[in-house]
Amino acid sequence: MSTVTLELEEDLVALLRQLNQPIRASARELILLELYRRGIISSGKAAELLDMPRFDFIRFAAHLGIPYFDLTEDEWQSERARSDRL
């Protein structure tokens, strides 16, 4: 495991403390959620790194407004039309 030291403004530290968990854990969780939101890591990888089942991670991320499916309107219509044919 690598160690990285970050200097954080007191305002940010105060906000992270409001999450009621150690700042290190909060920062790690937020980084992984953002990497997942950007599509850099999969839900499975994020779940693994957060030590939780994948489905629990998907529900957790969805609760925070990060969708599991990230389709454009055209992609959604295409998928819907395909499922209607089945």
C-alpha atoms as a PDB file:
ATOM      1  CA  MET A   1       0.000   0.000   0.000  1.00  0.00           C
ATOM      2  CA  SER A   2       1.260   3.474  -0.853  1.00  0.00           C
ATOM      3  CA  THR A   3       0.975   6.437   1.440  1.00  0.00           C
ATOM      4  CA  VAL A   4       0.010   9.887   0.223  1.00  0.00           C
ATOM      5  CA  THR A   5      -0.111  12.933   2.450  1.00  0.00           C
ATOM      6  CA  LEU A   6      -2.656  15.604   1.613  1.00  0.00           C
ATOM      7  CA  GLU A   7      -2.904  19.074   3.038  1.00  0.00           C
ATOM      8  CA  LEU A   8      -6.572  19.951   3.466  1.00  0.00           C
ATOM      9  CA  GLU A   9      -8.093  23.267   4.399  1.00  0.00           C
ATOM     10  CA  GLU A  10      -9.770  23.352   7.821  1.00  0.00           C
ATOM     11  CA  ASP A  11     -13.156  23.972   6.186  1.00  0.00           C
ATOM     12  CA  LEU A  12     -12.812  20.753   4.200  1.00  0.00           C
ATOM     13  CA  VAL A  13     -11.640  18.816   7.250  1.00  0.00           C
ATOM     14  CA  ALA A  14     -14.678  20.076   9.163  1.00  0.00           C
ATOM     15  CA  LEU A  15     -16.970  18.911   6.354  1.00  0.00           C
ATOM     16  CA  LEU A  16     -15.334  15.484   6.264  1.00  0.00           C
ATOM     17  CA  ARG A  17     -15.754  15.164  10.036  1.00  0.00           C
ATOM     18  CA  GLN A  18     -19.508  15.593   9.546  1.00  0.00           C
ATOM     19  CA  LEU A  19     -19.554  12.208   7.795  1.00  0.00           C
ATOM     20  CA  ASN A  20     -19.016  10.586  11.223  1.00  0.00           C
ATOM     21  CA  GLN A  21     -16.168   8.352  10.166  1.00  0.00           C
ATOM     22  CA  PRO A  22     -12.400   8.779  10.156  1.00  0.00           C
ATOM     23  CA  ILE A  23     -11.282  11.388   7.633  1.00  0.00           C
ATOM     24  CA  ARG A  24      -9.039   8.844   5.907  1.00  0.00           C
ATOM     25  CA  ALA A  25     -12.010   6.499   5.346  1.00  0.00           C
ATOM     26  CA  SER A  26     -14.236   9.357   4.154  1.00  0.00           C
ATOM     27  CA  ALA A  27     -11.628  10.608   1.687  1.00  0.00           C
ATOM     28  CA  ARG A  28     -11.003   7.089   0.368  1.00  0.00           C
ATOM     29  CA  GLU A  29     -14.733   6.464  -0.070  1.00  0.00           C
ATOM     30  CA  LEU A  30     -15.247   9.770  -1.880  1.00  0.00           C
ATOM     31  CA  ILE A  31     -12.302   9.134  -4.202  1.00  0.00           C
ATOM     32  CA  LEU A  32     -13.599   5.667  -5.111  1.00  0.00           C
ATOM     33  CA  LEU A  33     -17.134   6.949  -5.657  1.00  0.00           C
ATOM     34  CA  GLU A  34     -15.826   9.658  -7.978  1.00  0.00           C
ATOM     35  CA  LEU A  35     -13.657   7.207  -9.921  1.00  0.00           C
ATOM     36  CA  TYR A  36     -16.717   4.988 -10.351  1.00  0.00           C
ATOM     37  CA  ARG A  37     -18.931   7.942 -11.349  1.00  0.00           C
ATOM     38  CA  ARG A  38     -16.398   8.914 -14.026  1.00  0.00           C
ATOM     39  CA  GLY A  39     -16.288   5.346 -15.334  1.00  0.00           C
ATOM     40  CA  ILE A  40     -12.630   4.872 -14.450  1.00  0.00           C
ATOM     41  CA  ILE A  41     -13.305   1.832 -12.244  1.00  0.00           C
ATOM     42  CA  SER A  42     -16.121  -0.700 -12.280  1.00  0.00           C
ATOM     43  CA  SER A  43     -18.708  -1.190  -9.570  1.00  0.00           C
ATOM     44  CA  GLY A  44     -17.019  -4.495  -8.771  1.00  0.00           C
ATOM     45  CA  LYS A  45     -13.615  -2.879  -8.299  1.00  0.00           C
ATOM     46  CA  ALA A  46     -15.051  -0.050  -6.187  1.00  0.00           C
ATOM     47  CA  ALA A  47     -16.927  -2.571  -4.039  1.00  0.00           C
ATOM     48  CA  GLU A  48     -13.783  -4.659  -3.626  1.00  0.00           C
ATOM     49  CA  LEU A  49     -11.721  -1.644  -2.558  1.00  0.00           C
ATOM     50  CA  LEU A  50     -14.445  -0.576  -0.111  1.00  0.00           C
ATOM     51  CA  ASP A  51     -14.710  -4.149   1.183  1.00  0.00           C
ATOM     52  CA  MET A  52     -18.418  -4.532   0.471  1.00  0.00           C
ATOM     53  CA  PRO A  53     -20.528  -6.746  -1.776  1.00  0.00           C
ATOM     54  CA  ARG A  54     -20.980  -5.353  -5.282  1.00  0.00           C
ATOM     55  CA  PHE A  55     -24.767  -5.088  -5.011  1.00  0.00           C
ATOM     56  CA  ASP A  56     -24.409  -3.150  -1.739  1.00  0.00           C
ATOM     57  CA  PHE A  57     -22.024  -0.749  -3.467  1.00  0.00           C
ATOM     58  CA  ILE A  58     -24.441  -0.249  -6.379  1.00  0.00           C
ATOM     59  CA  ARG A  59     -27.262   0.561  -3.938  1.00  0.00           C
ATOM     60  CA  PHE A  60     -24.967   2.851  -1.919  1.00  0.00           C
ATOM     61  CA  ALA A  61     -23.850   4.744  -5.029  1.00  0.00           C
ATOM     62  CA  ALA A  62     -27.437   4.990  -6.309  1.00  0.00           C
ATOM     63  CA  HIS A  63     -28.544   6.372  -2.948  1.00  0.00           C
ATOM     64  CA  LEU A  64     -25.931   9.101  -3.439  1.00  0.00           C
ATOM     65  CA  GLY A  65     -27.262   9.877  -6.920  1.00  0.00           C
ATOM     66  CA  ILE A  66     -24.713   7.911  -8.942  1.00  0.00           C
ATOM     67  CA  PRO A  67     -26.683   5.746 -11.372  1.00  0.00           C
ATOM     68  CA  TYR A  68     -25.715   2.180 -12.199  1.00  0.00           C
ATOM     69  CA  PHE A  69     -26.869   2.625 -15.788  1.00  0.00           C
ATOM     70  CA  ASP A  70     -25.494   5.684 -17.540  1.00  0.00           C
ATOM     71  CA  LEU A  71     -27.259   5.752 -20.886  1.00  0.00           C
ATOM     72  CA  THR A  72     -27.992   8.625 -23.214  1.00  0.00           C
ATOM     73  CA  GLU A  73     -31.604   9.076 -24.290  1.00  0.00           C
ATOM     74  CA  ASP A  74     -30.827   7.455 -27.664  1.00  0.00           C
ATOM     75  CA  GLU A  75     -29.121   4.487 -25.987  1.00  0.00           C
ATOM     76  CA  TRP A  76     -32.072   4.087 -23.617  1.00  0.00           C
ATOM     77  CA  GLN A  77     -34.582   4.143 -26.506  1.00  0.00           C
ATOM     78  CA  SER A  78     -32.504   1.622 -28.440  1.00  0.00           C
ATOM     79  CA  GLU A  79     -32.353  -0.733 -25.446  1.00  0.00           C
ATOM     80  CA  ARG A  80     -36.063  -0.312 -24.849  1.00  0.00           C
ATOM     81  CA  ALA A  81     -36.907  -1.061 -28.471  1.00  0.00           C
ATOM     82  CA  ARG A  82     -34.662  -4.132 -28.395  1.00  0.00           C
ATOM     83  CA  SER A  83     -36.355  -5.469 -25.251  1.00  0.00           C
ATOM     84  CA  ASP A  84     -39.800  -4.829 -26.761  1.00  0.00           C
ATOM     85  CA  ARG A  85     -38.876  -7.139 -29.673  1.00  0.00           C
ATOM     86  CA  LEU A  86     -38.016  -9.992 -27.314  1.00  0.00           C
END
